Amino acid sequence: MFARMVRYSTTSDVRDQAQRAEEGVLPLFESLPGFKAYSVADSDGEIFSMSVWETREQAEAASASAAEWVAENMPEITLEEARYGEILFSTLLGVSTKTGATV
């Protein structure tokens, strides 16, 4: 599994932005192949988003879809950074570093 980790800055209320993402980006991601999970967090007025995908290619493809949706629906936020990485273990997703083990 692969994570798409994104940091945004915003000039508006982060809780409002999170609600709009839940109502718009989440259904978009759920419609795309390989989607596993999506989380949004606030840190001192910056928005951090993490979505989980079966493959890196699917995570990267989700970026294009998300960028288009955000540009049309949330112009007050700015993408600061996007990264992709393999999930090595996750209690939430049941991924373990131990061969054959689930968490």
PDB file of N, CA and C in Angstrom:
ATOM      1  N   MET A   1       0.831  -1.174   0.000  1.00  0.00           N
ATOM      2  CA  MET A   1       0.000   0.000   0.000  1.00  0.00           C
ATOM      3  C   MET A   1       0.880   1.243   0.000  1.00  0.00           C
ATOM      4  N   PHE A   2       0.333   2.293  -0.607  1.00  0.00           N
ATOM      5  CA  PHE A   2       1.077   3.546  -0.729  1.00  0.00           C
ATOM      6  C   PHE A   2       0.257   4.716  -0.211  1.00  0.00           C
ATOM      7  N   ALA A   3       0.958   5.643   0.413  1.00  0.00           N
ATOM      8  CA  ALA A   3       0.319   6.846   0.941  1.00  0.00           C
ATOM      9  C   ALA A   3       0.600   8.029   0.031  1.00  0.00           C
ATOM     10  N   ARG A   4      -0.384   8.876  -0.082  1.00  0.00           N
ATOM     11  CA  ARG A   4      -0.252  10.190  -0.716  1.00  0.00           C
ATOM     12  C   ARG A   4      -0.379  11.190   0.430  1.00  0.00           C
ATOM     13  N   MET A   5       0.701  11.886   0.739  1.00  0.00           N
ATOM     14  CA  MET A   5       0.741  12.808   1.873  1.00  0.00           C
ATOM     15  C   MET A   5       0.888  14.223   1.340  1.00  0.00           C
ATOM     16  N   VAL A   6      -0.032  15.097   1.741  1.00  0.00           N
ATOM     17  CA  VAL A   6      -0.087  16.431   1.166  1.00  0.00           C
ATOM     18  C   VAL A   6      -0.212  17.472   2.276  1.00  0.00           C
ATOM     19  N   ARG A   7       0.471  18.603   2.056  1.00  0.00           N
ATOM     20  CA  ARG A   7       0.387  19.744   2.985  1.00  0.00           C
ATOM     21  C   ARG A   7      -0.152  20.937   2.215  1.00  0.00           C
ATOM     22  N   TYR A   8      -1.187  21.560   2.778  1.00  0.00           N
ATOM     23  CA  TYR A   8      -1.797  22.742   2.182  1.00  0.00           C
ATOM     24  C   TYR A   8      -1.719  23.910   3.153  1.00  0.00           C
ATOM     25  N   SER A   9      -1.640  25.110   2.623  1.00  0.00           N
ATOM     26  CA  SER A   9      -1.849  26.309   3.429  1.00  0.00           C
ATOM     27  C   SER A   9      -3.222  26.855   3.046  1.00  0.00           C
ATOM     28  N   THR A  10      -3.806  27.634   3.956  1.00  0.00           N
ATOM     29  CA  THR A  10      -5.132  28.177   3.683  1.00  0.00           C
ATOM     30  C   THR A  10      -5.299  29.543   4.327  1.00  0.00           C
ATOM     31  N   THR A  11      -6.198  30.312   3.757  1.00  0.00           N
ATOM     32  CA  THR A  11      -6.521  31.619   4.319  1.00  0.00           C
ATOM     33  C   THR A  11      -7.874  31.589   5.009  1.00  0.00           C
ATOM     34  N   SER A  12      -8.482  30.408   5.097  1.00  0.00           N
ATOM     35  CA  SER A  12      -9.797  30.308   5.719  1.00  0.00           C
ATOM     36  C   SER A  12      -9.794  29.251   6.815  1.00  0.00           C
ATOM     37  N   ASP A  13     -10.935  29.044   7.416  1.00  0.00           N
ATOM     38  CA  ASP A  13     -11.091  28.139   8.552  1.00  0.00           C
ATOM     39  C   ASP A  13     -10.784  26.689   8.164  1.00  0.00           C
ATOM     40  N   VAL A  14      -9.845  26.059   8.875  1.00  0.00           N
ATOM     41  CA  VAL A  14      -9.437  24.695   8.515  1.00  0.00           C
ATOM     42  C   VAL A  14     -10.550  23.679   8.759  1.00  0.00           C
ATOM     43  N   ARG A  15     -11.391  23.911   9.747  1.00  0.00           N
ATOM     44  CA  ARG A  15     -12.504  22.973   9.980  1.00  0.00           C
ATOM     45  C   ARG A  15     -13.498  23.020   8.816  1.00  0.00           C
ATOM     46  N   ASP A  16     -13.746  24.205   8.307  1.00  0.00           N
ATOM     47  CA  ASP A  16     -14.608  24.336   7.134  1.00  0.00           C
ATOM     48  C   ASP A  16     -13.978  23.620   5.941  1.00  0.00           C
ATOM     49  N   GLN A  17     -12.675  23.789   5.773  1.00  0.00           N
ATOM     50  CA  GLN A  17     -11.974  23.125   4.674  1.00  0.00           C
ATOM     51  C   GLN A  17     -12.052  21.605   4.816  1.00  0.00           C
ATOM     52  N   ALA A  18     -11.910  21.114   6.033  1.00  0.00           N
ATOM     53  CA  ALA A  18     -11.984  19.667   6.263  1.00  0.00           C
ATOM     54  C   ALA A  18     -13.371  19.139   5.930  1.00  0.00           C
ATOM     55  N   GLN A  19     -14.401  19.876   6.332  1.00  0.00           N
ATOM     56  CA  GLN A  19     -15.766  19.452   6.036  1.00  0.00           C
ATOM     57  C   GLN A  19     -16.003  19.423   4.526  1.00  0.00           C
ATOM     58  N   ARG A  20     -15.506  20.425   3.831  1.00  0.00           N
ATOM     59  CA  ARG A  20     -15.667  20.463   2.381  1.00  0.00           C
ATOM     60  C   ARG A  20     -14.906  19.321   1.718  1.00  0.00           C
ATOM     61  N   ALA A  21     -13.728  18.991   2.243  1.00  0.00           N
ATOM     62  CA  ALA A  21     -12.968  17.854   1.711  1.00  0.00           C
ATOM     63  C   ALA A  21     -13.713  16.547   1.956  1.00  0.00           C
ATOM     64  N   GLU A  22     -14.291  16.406   3.139  1.00  0.00           N
ATOM     65  CA  GLU A  22     -15.043  15.186   3.452  1.00  0.00           C
ATOM     66  C   GLU A  22     -16.245  15.035   2.517  1.00  0.00           C
ATOM     67  N   GLU A  23     -16.887  16.144   2.204  1.00  0.00           N
ATOM     68  CA  GLU A  23     -18.077  16.104   1.344  1.00  0.00           C
ATOM     69  C   GLU A  23     -17.739  16.002  -0.146  1.00  0.00           C
ATOM     70  N   GLY A  24     -16.531  16.437  -0.539  1.00  0.00           N
ATOM     71  CA  GLY A  24     -16.202  16.455  -1.961  1.00  0.00           C
ATOM     72  C   GLY A  24     -15.053  15.560  -2.374  1.00  0.00           C
ATOM     73  N   VAL A  25     -13.925  15.681  -1.682  1.00  0.00           N
ATOM     74  CA  VAL A  25     -12.749  14.891  -2.059  1.00  0.00           C
ATOM     75  C   VAL A  25     -12.944  13.416  -1.686  1.00  0.00           C
ATOM     76  N   LEU A  26     -13.502  13.146  -0.521  1.00  0.00           N
ATOM     77  CA  LEU A  26     -13.694  11.756  -0.104  1.00  0.00           C
ATOM     78  C   LEU A  26     -14.523  10.970  -1.126  1.00  0.00           C
ATOM     79  N   PRO A  27     -15.695  11.449  -1.548  1.00  0.00           N
ATOM     80  CA  PRO A  27     -16.434  10.682  -2.570  1.00  0.00           C
ATOM     81  C   PRO A  27     -15.648  10.530  -3.876  1.00  0.00           C
ATOM     82  N   LEU A  28     -14.883  11.556  -4.237  1.00  0.00           N
ATOM     83  CA  LEU A  28     -14.045  11.460  -5.429  1.00  0.00           C
ATOM     84  C   LEU A  28     -13.032  10.333  -5.274  1.00  0.00           C
ATOM     85  N   PHE A  29     -12.311  10.322  -4.157  1.00  0.00           N
ATOM     86  CA  PHE A  29     -11.325   9.271  -3.911  1.00  0.00           C
ATOM     87  C   PHE A  29     -11.987   7.894  -3.871  1.00  0.00           C
ATOM     88  N   GLU A  30     -13.146   7.811  -3.224  1.00  0.00           N
ATOM     89  CA  GLU A  30     -13.833   6.515  -3.127  1.00  0.00           C
ATOM     90  C   GLU A  30     -14.215   5.968  -4.499  1.00  0.00           C
ATOM     91  N   SER A  31     -14.364   6.836  -5.485  1.00  0.00           N
ATOM     92  CA  SER A  31     -14.735   6.390  -6.829  1.00  0.00           C
ATOM     93  C   SER A  31     -13.536   5.941  -7.658  1.00  0.00           C
ATOM     94  N   LEU A  32     -12.327   6.187  -7.152  1.00  0.00           N
ATOM     95  CA  LEU A  32     -11.117   5.856  -7.910  1.00  0.00           C
ATOM     96  C   LEU A  32     -10.595   4.464  -7.547  1.00  0.00           C
ATOM     97  N   PRO A  33      -9.980   3.770  -8.498  1.00  0.00           N
ATOM     98  CA  PRO A  33      -9.432   2.439  -8.223  1.00  0.00           C
ATOM     99  C   PRO A  33      -8.307   2.490  -7.189  1.00  0.00           C
ATOM    100  N   GLY A  34      -8.298   1.491  -6.311  1.00  0.00           N
ATOM    101  CA  GLY A  34      -7.208   1.333  -5.356  1.00  0.00           C
ATOM    102  C   GLY A  34      -7.350   2.103  -4.069  1.00  0.00           C
ATOM    103  N   PHE A  35      -8.432   2.885  -3.902  1.00  0.00           N
ATOM    104  CA  PHE A  35      -8.604   3.696  -2.697  1.00  0.00           C
ATOM    105  C   PHE A  35      -8.781   2.817  -1.460  1.00  0.00           C
ATOM    106  N   LYS A  36      -8.098   3.185  -0.366  1.00  0.00           N
ATOM    107  CA  LYS A  36      -8.195   2.449   0.895  1.00  0.00           C
ATOM    108  C   LYS A  36      -8.645   3.316   2.065  1.00  0.00           C
ATOM    109  N   ALA A  37      -8.104   4.543   2.185  1.00  0.00           N
ATOM    110  CA  ALA A  37      -8.395   5.381   3.349  1.00  0.00           C
ATOM    111  C   ALA A  37      -8.047   6.833   3.060  1.00  0.00           C
ATOM    112  N   TYR A  38      -8.623   7.730   3.871  1.00  0.00           N
ATOM    113  CA  TYR A  38      -8.376   9.164   3.710  1.00  0.00           C
ATOM    114  C   TYR A  38      -8.501   9.841   5.061  1.00  0.00           C
ATOM    115  N   SER A  39      -7.538  10.671   5.401  1.00  0.00           N
ATOM    116  CA  SER A  39      -7.551  11.424   6.656  1.00  0.00           C
ATOM    117  C   SER A  39      -7.117  12.853   6.388  1.00  0.00           C
ATOM    118  N   VAL A  40      -7.651  13.777   7.189  1.00  0.00           N
ATOM    119  CA  VAL A  40      -7.266  15.184   7.120  1.00  0.00           C
ATOM    120  C   VAL A  40      -7.008  15.661   8.541  1.00  0.00           C
ATOM    121  N   ALA A  41      -5.913  16.396   8.724  1.00  0.00           N
ATOM    122  CA  ALA A  41      -5.545  16.915  10.048  1.00  0.00           C
ATOM    123  C   ALA A  41      -5.153  18.384   9.939  1.00  0.00           C
ATOM    124  N   ASP A  42      -5.279  19.079  11.055  1.00  0.00           N
ATOM    125  CA  ASP A  42      -4.892  20.486  11.161  1.00  0.00           C
ATOM    126  C   ASP A  42      -3.667  20.589  12.050  1.00  0.00           C
ATOM    127  N   SER A  43      -2.709  21.402  11.630  1.00  0.00           N
ATOM    128  CA  SER A  43      -1.545  21.699  12.468  1.00  0.00           C
ATOM    129  C   SER A  43      -1.225  23.179  12.327  1.00  0.00           C
ATOM    130  N   ASP A  44      -1.621  23.935  13.323  1.00  0.00           N
ATOM    131  CA  ASP A  44      -1.341  25.374  13.341  1.00  0.00           C
ATOM    132  C   ASP A  44      -1.787  26.079  12.062  1.00  0.00           C
ATOM    133  N   GLY A  45      -2.988  25.754  11.610  1.00  0.00           N
ATOM    134  CA  GLY A  45      -3.539  26.431  10.446  1.00  0.00           C
ATOM    135  C   GLY A  45      -3.146  25.858   9.104  1.00  0.00           C
ATOM    136  N   GLU A  46      -2.320  24.830   9.094  1.00  0.00           N
ATOM    137  CA  GLU A  46      -2.014  24.130   7.852  1.00  0.00           C
ATOM    138  C   GLU A  46      -2.856  22.856   7.820  1.00  0.00           C
ATOM    139  N   ILE A  47      -3.205  22.437   6.624  1.00  0.00           N
ATOM    140  CA  ILE A  47      -3.995  21.227   6.442  1.00  0.00           C
ATOM    141  C   ILE A  47      -3.077  20.121   5.940  1.00  0.00           C
ATOM    142  N   PHE A  48      -3.129  18.982   6.615  1.00  0.00           N
ATOM    143  CA  PHE A  48      -2.382  17.800   6.192  1.00  0.00           C
ATOM    144  C   PHE A  48      -3.381  16.726   5.793  1.00  0.00           C
ATOM    145  N   SER A  49      -3.153  16.160   4.624  1.00  0.00           N
ATOM    146  CA  SER A  49      -4.041  15.141   4.079  1.00  0.00           C
ATOM    147  C   SER A  49      -3.233  13.891   3.792  1.00  0.00           C
ATOM    148  N   MET A  50      -3.799  12.727   4.142  1.00  0.00           N
ATOM    149  CA  MET A  50      -3.153  11.468   3.786  1.00  0.00           C
ATOM    150  C   MET A  50      -4.210  10.533   3.238  1.00  0.00           C
ATOM    151  N   SER A  51      -3.973  10.067   2.031  1.00  0.00           N
ATOM    152  CA  SER A  51      -4.834   9.044   1.466  1.00  0.00           C
ATOM    153  C   SER A  51      -3.983   7.811   1.191  1.00  0.00           C
ATOM    154  N   VAL A  52      -4.633   6.658   1.227  1.00  0.00           N
ATOM    155  CA  VAL A  52      -3.935   5.382   1.074  1.00  0.00           C
ATOM    156  C   VAL A  52      -4.500   4.654  -0.140  1.00  0.00           C
ATOM    157  N   TRP A  53      -3.578   4.103  -0.929  1.00  0.00           N
ATOM    158  CA  TRP A  53      -3.909   3.470  -2.202  1.00  0.00           C
ATOM    159  C   TRP A  53      -3.184   2.138  -2.325  1.00  0.00           C
ATOM    160  N   GLU A  54      -3.706   1.252  -3.146  1.00  0.00           N
ATOM    161  CA  GLU A  54      -3.072  -0.043  -3.352  1.00  0.00           C
ATOM    162  C   GLU A  54      -1.698   0.100  -3.994  1.00  0.00           C
ATOM    163  N   THR A  55      -1.553   1.017  -4.961  1.00  0.00           N
ATOM    164  CA  THR A  55      -0.275   1.174  -5.666  1.00  0.00           C
ATOM    165  C   THR A  55       0.147   2.646  -5.691  1.00  0.00           C
ATOM    166  N   ARG A  56       1.420   2.861  -5.917  1.00  0.00           N
ATOM    167  CA  ARG A  56       1.930   4.237  -6.050  1.00  0.00           C
ATOM    168  C   ARG A  56       1.297   4.930  -7.251  1.00  0.00           C
ATOM    169  N   GLU A  57       1.120   4.210  -8.339  1.00  0.00           N
ATOM    170  CA  GLU A  57       0.523   4.779  -9.533  1.00  0.00           C
ATOM    171  C   GLU A  57      -0.882   5.297  -9.248  1.00  0.00           C
ATOM    172  N   GLN A  58      -1.656   4.543  -8.465  1.00  0.00           N
ATOM    173  CA  GLN A  58      -2.999   4.991  -8.104  1.00  0.00           C
ATOM    174  C   GLN A  58      -2.939   6.227  -7.204  1.00  0.00           C
ATOM    175  N   ALA A  59      -1.983   6.263  -6.283  1.00  0.00           N
ATOM    176  CA  ALA A  59      -1.818   7.435  -5.421  1.00  0.00           C
ATOM    177  C   ALA A  59      -1.466   8.663  -6.242  1.00  0.00           C
ATOM    178  N   GLU A  60      -0.582   8.497  -7.205  1.00  0.00           N
ATOM    179  CA  GLU A  60      -0.191   9.616  -8.056  1.00  0.00           C
ATOM    180  C   GLU A  60      -1.351  10.067  -8.945  1.00  0.00           C
ATOM    181  N   ALA A  61      -2.128   9.123  -9.451  1.00  0.00           N
ATOM    182  CA  ALA A  61      -3.286   9.476 -10.275  1.00  0.00           C
ATOM    183  C   ALA A  61      -4.322  10.242  -9.461  1.00  0.00           C
ATOM    184  N   ALA A  62      -4.446   9.900  -8.188  1.00  0.00           N
ATOM    185  CA  ALA A  62      -5.391  10.601  -7.316  1.00  0.00           C
ATOM    186  C   ALA A  62      -5.015  12.075  -7.169  1.00  0.00           C
ATOM    187  N   SER A  63      -3.734  12.376  -7.256  1.00  0.00           N
ATOM    188  CA  SER A  63      -3.293  13.767  -7.142  1.00  0.00           C
ATOM    189  C   SER A  63      -3.894  14.635  -8.237  1.00  0.00           C
ATOM    190  N   ALA A  64      -3.911  14.129  -9.446  1.00  0.00           N
ATOM    191  CA  ALA A  64      -4.469  14.902 -10.555  1.00  0.00           C
ATOM    192  C   ALA A  64      -5.952  15.162 -10.337  1.00  0.00           C
ATOM    193  N   SER A  65      -6.669  14.139  -9.905  1.00  0.00           N
ATOM    194  CA  SER A  65      -8.103  14.294  -9.640  1.00  0.00           C
ATOM    195  C   SER A  65      -8.347  15.270  -8.500  1.00  0.00           C
ATOM    196  N   ALA A  66      -7.573  15.131  -7.437  1.00  0.00           N
ATOM    197  CA  ALA A  66      -7.736  16.015  -6.278  1.00  0.00           C
ATOM    198  C   ALA A  66      -7.401  17.454  -6.656  1.00  0.00           C
ATOM    199  N   ALA A  67      -6.325  17.657  -7.408  1.00  0.00           N
ATOM    200  CA  ALA A  67      -5.919  19.009  -7.784  1.00  0.00           C
ATOM    201  C   ALA A  67      -7.016  19.710  -8.591  1.00  0.00           C
ATOM    202  N   GLU A  68      -7.630  18.990  -9.500  1.00  0.00           N
ATOM    203  CA  GLU A  68      -8.705  19.563 -10.304  1.00  0.00           C
ATOM    204  C   GLU A  68      -9.895  19.941  -9.429  1.00  0.00           C
ATOM    205  N   TRP A  69     -10.295  19.025  -8.525  1.00  0.00           N
ATOM    206  CA  TRP A  69     -11.438  19.292  -7.647  1.00  0.00           C
ATOM    207  C   TRP A  69     -11.150  20.467  -6.727  1.00  0.00           C
ATOM    208  N   VAL A  70      -9.974  20.496  -6.130  1.00  0.00           N
ATOM    209  CA  VAL A  70      -9.608  21.572  -5.203  1.00  0.00           C
ATOM    210  C   VAL A  70      -9.572  22.911  -5.935  1.00  0.00           C
ATOM    211  N   ALA A  71      -9.008  22.964  -7.114  1.00  0.00           N
ATOM    212  CA  ALA A  71      -8.938  24.215  -7.871  1.00  0.00           C
ATOM    213  C   ALA A  71     -10.330  24.777  -8.153  1.00  0.00           C
ATOM    214  N   GLU A  72     -11.283  23.898  -8.426  1.00  0.00           N
ATOM    215  CA  GLU A  72     -12.644  24.326  -8.732  1.00  0.00           C
ATOM    216  C   GLU A  72     -13.460  24.650  -7.495  1.00  0.00           C
ATOM    217  N   ASN A  73     -13.175  23.988  -6.379  1.00  0.00           N
ATOM    218  CA  ASN A  73     -14.055  24.075  -5.215  1.00  0.00           C
ATOM    219  C   ASN A  73     -13.445  24.699  -3.967  1.00  0.00           C
ATOM    220  N   MET A  74     -12.133  24.792  -3.900  1.00  0.00           N
ATOM    221  CA  MET A  74     -11.471  25.313  -2.700  1.00  0.00           C
ATOM    222  C   MET A  74     -10.306  26.222  -3.092  1.00  0.00           C
ATOM    223  N   PRO A  75     -10.580  27.304  -3.805  1.00  0.00           N
ATOM    224  CA  PRO A  75      -9.485  28.155  -4.290  1.00  0.00           C
ATOM    225  C   PRO A  75      -8.692  28.846  -3.184  1.00  0.00           C
ATOM    226  N   GLU A  76      -9.205  28.845  -1.971  1.00  0.00           N
ATOM    227  CA  GLU A  76      -8.513  29.505  -0.867  1.00  0.00           C
ATOM    228  C   GLU A  76      -7.430  28.649  -0.216  1.00  0.00           C
ATOM    229  N   ILE A  77      -7.236  27.436  -0.726  1.00  0.00           N
ATOM    230  CA  ILE A  77      -6.127  26.634  -0.204  1.00  0.00           C
ATOM    231  C   ILE A  77      -5.061  26.480  -1.287  1.00  0.00           C
ATOM    232  N   THR A  78      -3.820  26.350  -0.833  1.00  0.00           N
ATOM    233  CA  THR A  78      -2.679  26.241  -1.739  1.00  0.00           C
ATOM    234  C   THR A  78      -1.896  24.980  -1.422  1.00  0.00           C
ATOM    235  N   LEU A  79      -1.637  24.179  -2.426  1.00  0.00           N
ATOM    236  CA  LEU A  79      -0.807  22.988  -2.260  1.00  0.00           C
ATOM    237  C   LEU A  79       0.629  23.437  -1.996  1.00  0.00           C
ATOM    238  N   GLU A  80       1.179  23.024  -0.881  1.00  0.00           N
ATOM    239  CA  GLU A  80       2.549  23.364  -0.518  1.00  0.00           C
ATOM    240  C   GLU A  80       3.521  22.231  -0.829  1.00  0.00           C
ATOM    241  N   GLU A  81       3.041  20.993  -0.651  1.00  0.00           N
ATOM    242  CA  GLU A  81       3.936  19.843  -0.825  1.00  0.00           C
ATOM    243  C   GLU A  81       3.108  18.570  -0.969  1.00  0.00           C
ATOM    244  N   ALA A  82       3.553  17.682  -1.845  1.00  0.00           N
ATOM    245  CA  ALA A  82       2.938  16.361  -1.990  1.00  0.00           C
ATOM    246  C   ALA A  82       4.054  15.325  -2.032  1.00  0.00           C
ATOM    247  N   ARG A  83       3.841  14.257  -1.300  1.00  0.00           N
ATOM    248  CA  ARG A  83       4.812  13.163  -1.272  1.00  0.00           C
ATOM    249  C   ARG A  83       4.074  11.833  -1.326  1.00  0.00           C
ATOM    250  N   TYR A  84       4.824  10.814  -1.741  1.00  0.00           N
ATOM    251  CA  TYR A  84       4.277   9.463  -1.838  1.00  0.00           C
ATOM    252  C   TYR A  84       5.236   8.517  -1.146  1.00  0.00           C
ATOM    253  N   GLY A  85       4.701   7.521  -0.466  1.00  0.00           N
ATOM    254  CA  GLY A  85       5.573   6.559   0.189  1.00  0.00           C
ATOM    255  C   GLY A  85       4.861   5.256   0.468  1.00  0.00           C
ATOM    256  N   GLU A  86       5.635   4.201   0.500  1.00  0.00           N
ATOM    257  CA  GLU A  86       5.094   2.889   0.828  1.00  0.00           C
ATOM    258  C   GLU A  86       4.782   2.828   2.318  1.00  0.00           C
ATOM    259  N   ILE A  87       3.631   2.286   2.657  1.00  0.00           N
ATOM    260  CA  ILE A  87       3.264   2.126   4.058  1.00  0.00           C
ATOM    261  C   ILE A  87       3.952   0.869   4.573  1.00  0.00           C
ATOM    262  N   LEU A  88       4.813   1.046   5.560  1.00  0.00           N
ATOM    263  CA  LEU A  88       5.600  -0.066   6.089  1.00  0.00           C
ATOM    264  C   LEU A  88       4.865  -0.819   7.194  1.00  0.00           C
ATOM    265  N   PHE A  89       4.153  -0.100   8.033  1.00  0.00           N
ATOM    266  CA  PHE A  89       3.241  -0.744   8.965  1.00  0.00           C
ATOM    267  C   PHE A  89       2.186   0.253   9.382  1.00  0.00           C
ATOM    268  N   SER A  90       1.010  -0.256   9.742  1.00  0.00           N
ATOM    269  CA  SER A  90      -0.092   0.592  10.167  1.00  0.00           C
ATOM    270  C   SER A  90      -1.065  -0.230  10.982  1.00  0.00           C
ATOM    271  N   THR A  91      -1.296   0.176  12.218  1.00  0.00           N
ATOM    272  CA  THR A  91      -2.289  -0.514  13.029  1.00  0.00           C
ATOM    273  C   THR A  91      -3.692  -0.255  12.482  1.00  0.00           C
ATOM    274  N   LEU A  92      -3.899   0.909  11.917  1.00  0.00           N
ATOM    275  CA  LEU A  92      -5.198   1.262  11.362  1.00  0.00           C
ATOM    276  C   LEU A  92      -5.535   0.439  10.127  1.00  0.00           C
ATOM    277  N   LEU A  93      -4.535   0.184   9.294  1.00  0.00           N
ATOM    278  CA  LEU A  93      -4.757  -0.511   8.030  1.00  0.00           C
ATOM    279  C   LEU A  93      -4.440  -1.998   8.084  1.00  0.00           C
ATOM    280  N   GLY A  94      -3.924  -2.472   9.217  1.00  0.00           N
ATOM    281  CA  GLY A  94      -3.608  -3.886   9.340  1.00  0.00           C
ATOM    282  C   GLY A  94      -2.379  -4.306   8.564  1.00  0.00           C
ATOM    283  N   VAL A  95      -1.412  -3.417   8.432  1.00  0.00           N
ATOM    284  CA  VAL A  95      -0.167  -3.701   7.720  1.00  0.00           C
ATOM    285  C   VAL A  95       0.932  -3.880   8.749  1.00  0.00           C
ATOM    286  N   SER A  96       1.752  -4.908   8.587  1.00  0.00           N
ATOM    287  CA  SER A  96       2.832  -5.196   9.533  1.00  0.00           C
ATOM    288  C   SER A  96       4.142  -5.435   8.791  1.00  0.00           C
ATOM    289  N   THR A  97       5.242  -5.165   9.463  1.00  0.00           N
ATOM    290  CA  THR A  97       6.553  -5.449   8.898  1.00  0.00           C
ATOM    291  C   THR A  97       6.883  -6.928   9.014  1.00  0.00           C
ATOM    292  N   LYS A  98       6.152  -7.642   9.835  1.00  0.00           N
ATOM    293  CA  LYS A  98       6.376  -9.079  10.033  1.00  0.00           C
ATOM    294  C   LYS A  98       5.752  -9.847   8.881  1.00  0.00           C
ATOM    295  N   THR A  99       6.525 -10.688   8.247  1.00  0.00           N
ATOM    296  CA  THR A  99       6.062 -11.460   7.103  1.00  0.00           C
ATOM    297  C   THR A  99       4.794 -12.239   7.447  1.00  0.00           C
ATOM    298  N   GLY A 100       3.773 -12.021   6.640  1.00  0.00           N
ATOM    299  CA  GLY A 100       2.523 -12.748   6.817  1.00  0.00           C
ATOM    300  C   GLY A 100       1.676 -12.285   7.987  1.00  0.00           C
ATOM    301  N   ALA A 101       2.141 -11.281   8.716  1.00  0.00           N
ATOM    302  CA  ALA A 101       1.409 -10.842   9.901  1.00  0.00           C
ATOM    303  C   ALA A 101       0.460  -9.713   9.557  1.00  0.00           C
ATOM    304  N   THR A 102      -0.661  -9.700  10.234  1.00  0.00           N
ATOM    305  CA  THR A 102      -1.565  -8.556  10.162  1.00  0.00           C
ATOM    306  C   THR A 102      -1.659  -7.960  11.552  1.00  0.00           C
ATOM    307  N   VAL A 103      -1.900  -6.689  11.585  1.00  0.00           N
ATOM    308  CA  VAL A 103      -1.956  -5.973  12.863  1.00  0.00           C
ATOM    309  C   VAL A 103      -3.383  -5.925  13.352  1.00  0.00           C
TER     310      VAL A 103
END
